[in-house]
Amino acid sequence: MEPIGERPDIERSYGIPETPEGMLGFDHVRDRLERSRIYWLTTVRPDGRPHAVPVWGVWLDDRMHFGGGGTTRKARNLAANPAVVLHTESGEDVVIIEGTAFEVTDPHRQRLIDDAYEAKYGIRHGTPVWELRPAVMFAWTEYPKTVTRWCFSDGDSSGSREPARSSSEFP
């Protein structure tokens, strides 16, 4: 079952259509996340300041996965606060995920992610690696006509549950 897209709550002056005509399907989100090579990841430092860094990542089983060294700034930030924003590299064909990152500790899952990294980037990633569970996602290809939002009640992007209404607004 596909997650249900909706129009985000955005100030009227931005010109977001009030009808669903032109909204993107979740298949577009999957395609962009699978095909993108570089993603921008924003974490929160312990003192509350944001930290943004480009990362490699793989979309596997309707979840985004990214990695980094265990002593990197992003790893230390995630240990203190798992809230993240991940954005595809393009500012025109956009996918933004707001959610929570969890370190993957299951060896079988780590192998599957490593296999996906190797297929995409020609290297195995190793550990640590995190799984991003979305709370809300945004996408568009032609702003404001196609801007679409998907909300997830429990961080479940599989679409198996009714998406929650979110107060998240963009931009």
Foldseek 3Di string as FASTA:
>chain_A
DAFDKDAFDDPCVQPADHDQPQADGCVLVQVLQAPFAKKWKWFAAPVGDIDIDIFGWHQDPNWIKTADDCPDRRNNRLVNPQWMKMWGPDPQFIKIFTFGKDWDDDPVVLVVRQVSCCVRPVGGDDDGMIIGQGQKMWGDNDPPRHIIMGGCDPSDRPNPDHGDDDNDGDD
